[in-house]
Amino acid sequence: MGLLFSINSLFAFSRHHSLTLLSDLTFGVIIFVTFYTTKLYRDKECKGVISFAKSHNFIVYSFFFGSIISTIVKYIYFKYIDPTLLSDVVFTQSIQNFQTLGKTLSEEELQLFKDFVVHPLNFCFQFIWLDLFLGAILGLILSFFIKKKTTSSQKEEIAEV
């Protein structure tokens, strides 16, 4: 998950607009991998039975650890590999978004916003919460399809053991 989150982020914050489209494709792969790994966890580790809550927790934990790994990769990338990316792409795009909405920022607000956005650590930590939120929402949806109750034959097998 950490690798997929990292790839998704690097595509999303690319200087090339064609690569930003790959971010959407990568998010689709994240959804598929999440479903597949949770189903595999249910079948292999939980002997084919998993509750909605356990499935949801597995997905949220996967997203949490994936976001931690991704945050480290993003920090290294934004701090050492391409340190001007945040100011060149992200800050400029954010200002354009403000202007599109008809919002204007004073010089002081602009400087505070730039100081916050341009620092890689501040910028990267924002995405841990976003990834956790997305994991929680995705977990609610996918867990509905992955949950599986015990059947009467499974209950008998458990009782015999």
Protein backbone atom coordinates (compact mmCIF):
# COMPACT_ATOMS: atom_id res chain seq x y z
CA MET A 1 0.00 0.00 0.00
CA GLY A 2 2.82 2.36 0.82
CA LEU A 3 4.30 1.85 -2.62
CA LEU A 4 0.95 2.45 -4.33
CA PHE A 5 0.28 5.56 -2.24
CA SER A 6 3.75 6.87 -3.05
CA ILE A 7 3.32 6.28 -6.78
CA ASN A 8 -0.11 7.90 -6.67
CA SER A 9 1.27 10.99 -4.91
CA LEU A 10 4.21 11.38 -7.24
CA PHE A 11 1.86 11.20 -10.23
CA ALA A 12 -0.61 13.62 -8.65
CA PHE A 13 2.05 16.24 -7.93
CA SER A 14 3.94 15.87 -11.18
CA ARG A 15 4.98 18.83 -13.30
CA HIS A 16 3.60 17.00 -16.34
CA HIS A 17 -0.18 17.06 -16.66
CA SER A 18 -0.20 13.75 -18.54
CA LEU A 19 1.23 12.02 -15.46
CA THR A 20 -1.43 13.50 -13.21
CA LEU A 21 -4.01 11.48 -15.13
CA LEU A 22 -2.17 8.32 -14.09
CA SER A 23 -2.98 9.26 -10.50
CA ASP A 24 -6.63 8.36 -11.13
CA LEU A 25 -5.61 5.02 -12.61
CA THR A 26 -3.37 4.34 -9.62
CA PHE A 27 -6.26 5.08 -7.26
CA GLY A 28 -8.30 2.45 -9.09
CA VAL A 29 -5.45 -0.02 -8.56
CA ILE A 30 -5.42 0.91 -4.85
CA ILE A 31 -9.12 0.06 -4.59
CA PHE A 32 -8.61 -3.28 -6.36
CA VAL A 33 -5.55 -4.22 -4.26
CA THR A 34 -7.41 -3.27 -1.07
CA PHE A 35 -10.34 -5.51 -2.00
CA TYR A 36 -8.08 -8.36 -3.07
CA THR A 37 -5.80 -8.29 -0.01
CA THR A 38 -8.72 -8.03 2.41
CA LYS A 39 -10.45 -10.95 0.71
CA LEU A 40 -7.19 -12.91 0.84
CA TYR A 41 -6.86 -12.06 4.54
CA ARG A 42 -10.40 -13.32 5.11
CA ASP A 43 -9.83 -16.57 3.24
CA LYS A 44 -6.30 -17.42 4.44
CA GLU A 45 -5.91 -15.94 7.91
CA CYS A 46 -9.51 -15.91 9.12
CA LYS A 47 -10.48 -19.31 7.64
CA GLY A 48 -13.07 -17.80 5.32
CA VAL A 49 -14.97 -15.90 8.01
CA ILE A 50 -14.66 -12.20 8.80
CA SER A 51 -16.92 -9.67 10.43
CA PHE A 52 -17.67 -6.27 8.99
CA ALA A 53 -15.72 -4.57 11.79
CA LYS A 54 -12.65 -6.79 11.43
CA SER A 55 -12.62 -6.24 7.67
CA HIS A 56 -13.00 -2.49 8.12
CA ASN A 57 -10.19 -2.41 10.69
CA PHE A 58 -7.90 -4.37 8.38
CA ILE A 59 -8.50 -1.85 5.59
CA VAL A 60 -7.98 1.18 7.85
CA TYR A 61 -4.76 -0.31 9.27
CA SER A 62 -3.54 -1.02 5.74
CA PHE A 63 -4.21 2.57 4.77
CA PHE A 64 -2.55 3.85 7.94
CA PHE A 65 0.70 1.96 7.42
CA GLY A 66 0.61 2.71 3.70
CA SER A 67 0.22 6.41 4.42
CA ILE A 68 3.17 6.36 6.85
CA ILE A 69 5.41 4.79 4.21
CA SER A 70 4.09 7.19 1.58
CA THR A 71 4.72 10.18 3.85
CA ILE A 72 8.35 9.18 4.25
CA VAL A 73 8.76 8.77 0.47
CA LYS A 74 7.02 12.10 -0.24
CA TYR A 75 9.13 13.90 2.36
CA ILE A 76 12.37 12.60 0.85
CA TYR A 77 11.18 13.49 -2.64
CA PHE A 78 10.00 17.01 -1.77
CA LYS A 79 12.94 17.78 0.52
CA TYR A 80 15.89 16.33 -1.38
CA ILE A 81 15.02 15.21 -4.92
CA ASP A 82 12.79 18.04 -6.17
CA PRO A 83 12.65 20.76 -3.49
CA THR A 84 11.14 23.39 -5.81
CA LEU A 85 8.13 21.26 -6.75
CA LEU A 86 6.00 22.44 -3.84
CA SER A 87 6.54 26.12 -4.56
CA ASP A 88 6.43 25.77 -8.34
CA VAL A 89 3.48 23.46 -8.78
CA VAL A 90 1.45 23.05 -5.59
CA PHE A 91 1.60 26.62 -4.31
CA THR A 92 0.99 28.12 -7.76
CA GLN A 93 -1.93 25.76 -8.41
CA SER A 94 -3.43 26.56 -5.01
CA ILE A 95 -3.28 30.30 -5.72
CA GLN A 96 -4.92 29.73 -9.11
CA ASN A 97 -7.67 27.74 -7.38
CA PHE A 98 -8.25 30.61 -4.95
CA GLN A 99 -8.48 33.05 -7.86
CA THR A 100 -10.93 30.78 -9.69
CA LEU A 101 -13.15 30.82 -6.62
CA GLY A 102 -12.93 34.60 -6.53
CA LYS A 103 -10.94 34.64 -3.29
CA THR A 104 -8.12 37.09 -2.82
CA LEU A 105 -5.43 36.81 -0.17
CA SER A 106 -3.61 39.69 1.44
CA GLU A 107 0.18 39.70 1.29
CA GLU A 108 0.36 38.51 4.89
CA GLU A 109 -2.10 35.64 4.26
CA LEU A 110 -0.25 34.75 1.09
CA GLN A 111 3.06 34.55 2.95
CA LEU A 112 1.56 32.44 5.76
CA PHE A 113 -0.01 30.10 3.22
CA LYS A 114 3.26 29.82 1.30
CA ASP A 115 5.24 29.12 4.47
CA PHE A 116 2.84 26.33 5.35
CA VAL A 117 2.53 24.72 1.91
CA VAL A 118 6.15 24.94 0.84
CA HIS A 119 7.54 23.07 3.87
CA PRO A 120 7.60 19.38 2.98
CA LEU A 121 6.92 18.12 6.50
CA ASN A 122 3.73 20.19 6.88
CA PHE A 123 2.57 19.25 3.42
CA CYS A 124 3.25 15.53 3.82
CA PHE A 125 1.57 15.16 7.22
CA GLN A 126 -1.69 16.48 5.78
CA PHE A 127 -1.97 13.37 3.67
CA ILE A 128 -1.85 10.92 6.57
CA TRP A 129 -5.26 12.21 7.68
CA LEU A 130 -6.59 12.25 4.14
CA ASP A 131 -5.45 8.66 3.54
CA LEU A 132 -7.00 7.52 6.83
CA PHE A 133 -10.28 9.21 5.95
CA LEU A 134 -10.31 7.61 2.50
CA GLY A 135 -9.44 4.25 4.06
CA ALA A 136 -12.32 4.55 6.51
CA ILE A 137 -14.80 5.41 3.75
CA LEU A 138 -13.47 2.74 1.39
CA GLY A 139 -13.48 0.28 4.28
CA LEU A 140 -17.17 0.90 4.89
CA ILE A 141 -17.96 0.12 1.28
CA LEU A 142 -15.63 -2.83 0.69
CA SER A 143 -16.28 -4.48 4.07
CA PHE A 144 -19.94 -4.78 3.15
CA PHE A 145 -18.94 -7.06 0.25
CA ILE A 146 -16.11 -8.90 2.02
CA LYS A 147 -17.77 -9.80 5.33
CA LYS A 148 -18.71 -13.44 5.68
CA LYS A 149 -20.51 -15.13 8.56
CA THR A 150 -19.87 -18.65 9.74
CA THR A 151 -22.03 -21.39 8.31
CA SER A 152 -23.40 -24.25 10.39
CA SER A 153 -20.72 -26.65 9.07
CA GLN A 154 -17.99 -24.17 10.04
CA LYS A 155 -19.48 -23.86 13.51
CA GLU A 156 -19.37 -27.66 13.87
CA GLU A 157 -15.72 -27.74 12.78
CA ILE A 158 -14.84 -25.05 15.32
CA ALA A 159 -16.71 -26.93 18.06
CA GLU A 160 -14.82 -30.17 17.29
CA VAL A 161 -11.45 -28.46 17.63
